[in-house]
């Protein structure tokens, strides 16, 4: 038997979603908004929100399936001890789960960057050879 990474657990309670919205860090991508908040130690949990703005039940279910597949594909790349809430955006209806997984990787990197002393996020580092304008 091979050891597969454990699938993240799901958030179910409204208060868990609200906690992520109000206390968590957020990052917007074209397909979803990701909220990340400290959760149970050693446990990865996620929740997905899809509004009726996306369309009918078929479209909302597809959006949830695509996000779920992206989360499962990342497996252990998701930091343990964190809860994640995804708010689906309209563009997810045409996206593939591999594209969404790539967006999720970038969003995680952005959320895990350390904050500057004044509380704001550090700007992205510029590559070598570029001149500073100021």
Protein backbone atom coordinates (compact mmCIF):
# COMPACT_ATOMS: atom_id res chain seq x y z
CA UNK A 1 0.00 0.00 0.00
CA UNK A 2 1.41 3.39 -0.98
CA UNK A 3 1.20 6.37 1.32
CA UNK A 4 -0.85 9.02 -0.43
CA UNK A 5 -1.05 12.47 1.09
CA UNK A 6 -4.19 12.79 3.17
CA UNK A 7 -6.94 14.79 1.51
CA UNK A 8 -7.64 18.04 3.30
CA UNK A 9 -10.76 18.07 5.45
CA UNK A 10 -13.68 20.36 4.67
CA UNK A 11 -15.00 23.33 6.59
CA UNK A 12 -18.72 23.05 7.26
CA UNK A 13 -19.72 25.59 9.88
CA UNK A 14 -20.69 29.15 9.01
CA UNK A 15 -18.57 30.48 11.89
CA UNK A 16 -15.46 28.80 10.38
CA UNK A 17 -16.07 30.60 7.07
CA UNK A 18 -16.71 33.93 8.83
CA UNK A 19 -13.52 33.50 10.86
CA UNK A 20 -11.54 33.11 7.63
CA UNK A 21 -13.22 36.16 6.03
CA UNK A 22 -12.61 38.47 8.97
CA UNK A 23 -9.37 37.19 10.50
CA UNK A 24 -7.56 35.65 7.53
CA UNK A 25 -5.25 36.93 4.85
CA UNK A 26 -6.69 37.08 1.34
CA UNK A 27 -5.43 36.91 -2.21
CA UNK A 28 -7.50 37.43 -5.35
CA UNK A 29 -6.92 35.53 -8.59
CA UNK A 30 -8.97 35.65 -11.79
CA UNK A 31 -10.82 32.45 -10.85
CA UNK A 32 -11.19 32.65 -7.08
CA UNK A 33 -10.47 34.62 -3.93
CA UNK A 34 -8.46 32.69 -1.37
CA UNK A 35 -8.67 33.34 2.37
CA UNK A 36 -6.08 31.69 4.61
CA UNK A 37 -6.35 31.65 8.40
CA UNK A 38 -4.66 29.75 11.22
CA UNK A 39 -6.54 26.57 12.01
CA UNK A 40 -6.07 23.36 13.95
CA UNK A 41 -2.41 22.36 14.37
CA UNK A 42 -1.29 19.78 11.80
CA UNK A 43 -4.61 19.77 9.93
CA UNK A 44 -5.41 21.20 6.49
CA UNK A 45 -9.03 22.21 5.98
CA UNK A 46 -10.76 24.00 3.13
CA UNK A 47 -14.18 25.33 2.23
CA UNK A 48 -15.67 26.53 -1.04
CA UNK A 49 -18.26 29.26 -1.55
CA UNK A 50 -20.14 29.63 -4.83
CA UNK A 51 -22.83 32.26 -5.22
CA UNK A 52 -25.80 32.27 -7.55
CA UNK A 53 -23.99 34.93 -9.59
CA UNK A 54 -22.04 32.05 -11.15
CA UNK A 55 -25.20 30.50 -12.59
CA UNK A 56 -27.40 27.55 -11.85
CA UNK A 57 -26.61 24.46 -9.81
CA UNK A 58 -24.69 22.81 -12.66
CA UNK A 59 -22.28 25.75 -12.98
CA UNK A 60 -21.85 26.11 -9.22
CA UNK A 61 -21.15 22.38 -8.82
CA UNK A 62 -18.61 22.48 -11.65
CA UNK A 63 -16.83 25.39 -9.97
CA UNK A 64 -16.66 23.42 -6.72
CA UNK A 65 -15.35 20.32 -8.53
CA UNK A 66 -12.59 22.29 -10.27
CA UNK A 67 -11.45 23.92 -7.02
CA UNK A 68 -11.62 20.61 -5.14
CA UNK A 69 -9.51 18.88 -7.82
CA UNK A 70 -6.91 21.67 -7.63
CA UNK A 71 -6.74 21.44 -3.83
CA UNK A 72 -6.38 17.65 -3.91
CA UNK A 73 -3.68 17.83 -6.59
CA UNK A 74 -1.53 20.06 -4.38
CA UNK A 75 -1.77 17.68 -1.43
CA UNK A 76 1.12 18.34 0.96
CA UNK A 77 2.01 21.66 -0.67
CA UNK A 78 -0.79 23.22 1.37
CA UNK A 79 0.63 24.34 4.71
CA UNK A 80 -0.58 22.29 7.67
CA UNK A 81 -2.39 24.05 10.47
CA UNK A 82 -4.24 26.37 8.11
CA UNK A 83 -7.83 26.73 6.97
CA UNK A 84 -8.54 27.85 3.40
CA UNK A 85 -11.75 29.36 2.06
CA UNK A 86 -12.26 29.74 -1.68
CA UNK A 87 -14.81 32.15 -3.13
CA UNK A 88 -15.40 31.17 -6.74
CA UNK A 89 -15.43 33.88 -9.40
CA UNK A 90 -17.15 33.72 -12.77
CA UNK A 91 -14.00 32.97 -14.73
CA UNK A 92 -13.65 29.59 -13.01
CA UNK A 93 -16.44 28.24 -15.20
CA UNK A 94 -14.07 28.07 -18.18
CA UNK A 95 -10.89 27.12 -16.29
CA UNK A 96 -9.31 23.69 -15.99
CA UNK A 97 -8.26 22.31 -12.63
CA UNK A 98 -4.57 22.38 -13.66
CA UNK A 99 -4.84 26.13 -14.33
CA UNK A 100 -6.60 26.64 -11.01
CA UNK A 101 -3.88 24.59 -9.24
CA UNK A 102 -1.20 26.87 -10.74
CA UNK A 103 -3.14 29.95 -9.57
CA UNK A 104 -3.46 28.39 -6.12
CA UNK A 105 0.32 27.80 -5.92
CA UNK A 106 0.99 31.45 -6.78
CA UNK A 107 -1.63 32.66 -4.29
CA UNK A 108 -0.10 30.51 -1.53
CA UNK A 109 3.36 31.92 -2.21
CA UNK A 110 1.96 35.43 -2.06
CA UNK A 111 0.12 34.79 1.23
CA UNK A 112 3.16 33.20 2.86
CA UNK A 113 5.51 36.11 2.18
CA UNK A 114 6.45 37.88 5.40
CA UNK A 115 4.82 41.24 6.08
CA UNK A 116 6.92 44.38 6.38
CA UNK A 117 7.27 46.10 9.80
CA UNK A 118 4.55 48.65 8.97
CA UNK A 119 2.04 45.81 8.53
CA UNK A 120 1.85 46.00 4.75
CA UNK A 121 3.01 43.26 2.44
CA UNK A 122 6.48 43.60 1.01
CA UNK A 123 6.46 44.51 -2.69
CA UNK A 124 7.66 41.82 -5.09
CA UNK A 125 11.43 41.77 -5.50
CA UNK A 126 12.79 43.08 -8.72
CA UNK A 127 15.19 41.02 -10.76
CA UNK A 128 18.85 41.90 -11.14
CA UNK A 129 19.71 44.37 -13.85
CA UNK A 130 16.61 46.50 -13.48
CA UNK A 131 16.97 50.10 -12.53
CA UNK A 132 15.05 51.57 -9.66
CA UNK A 133 12.78 54.45 -10.59
CA UNK A 134 11.90 56.83 -7.93
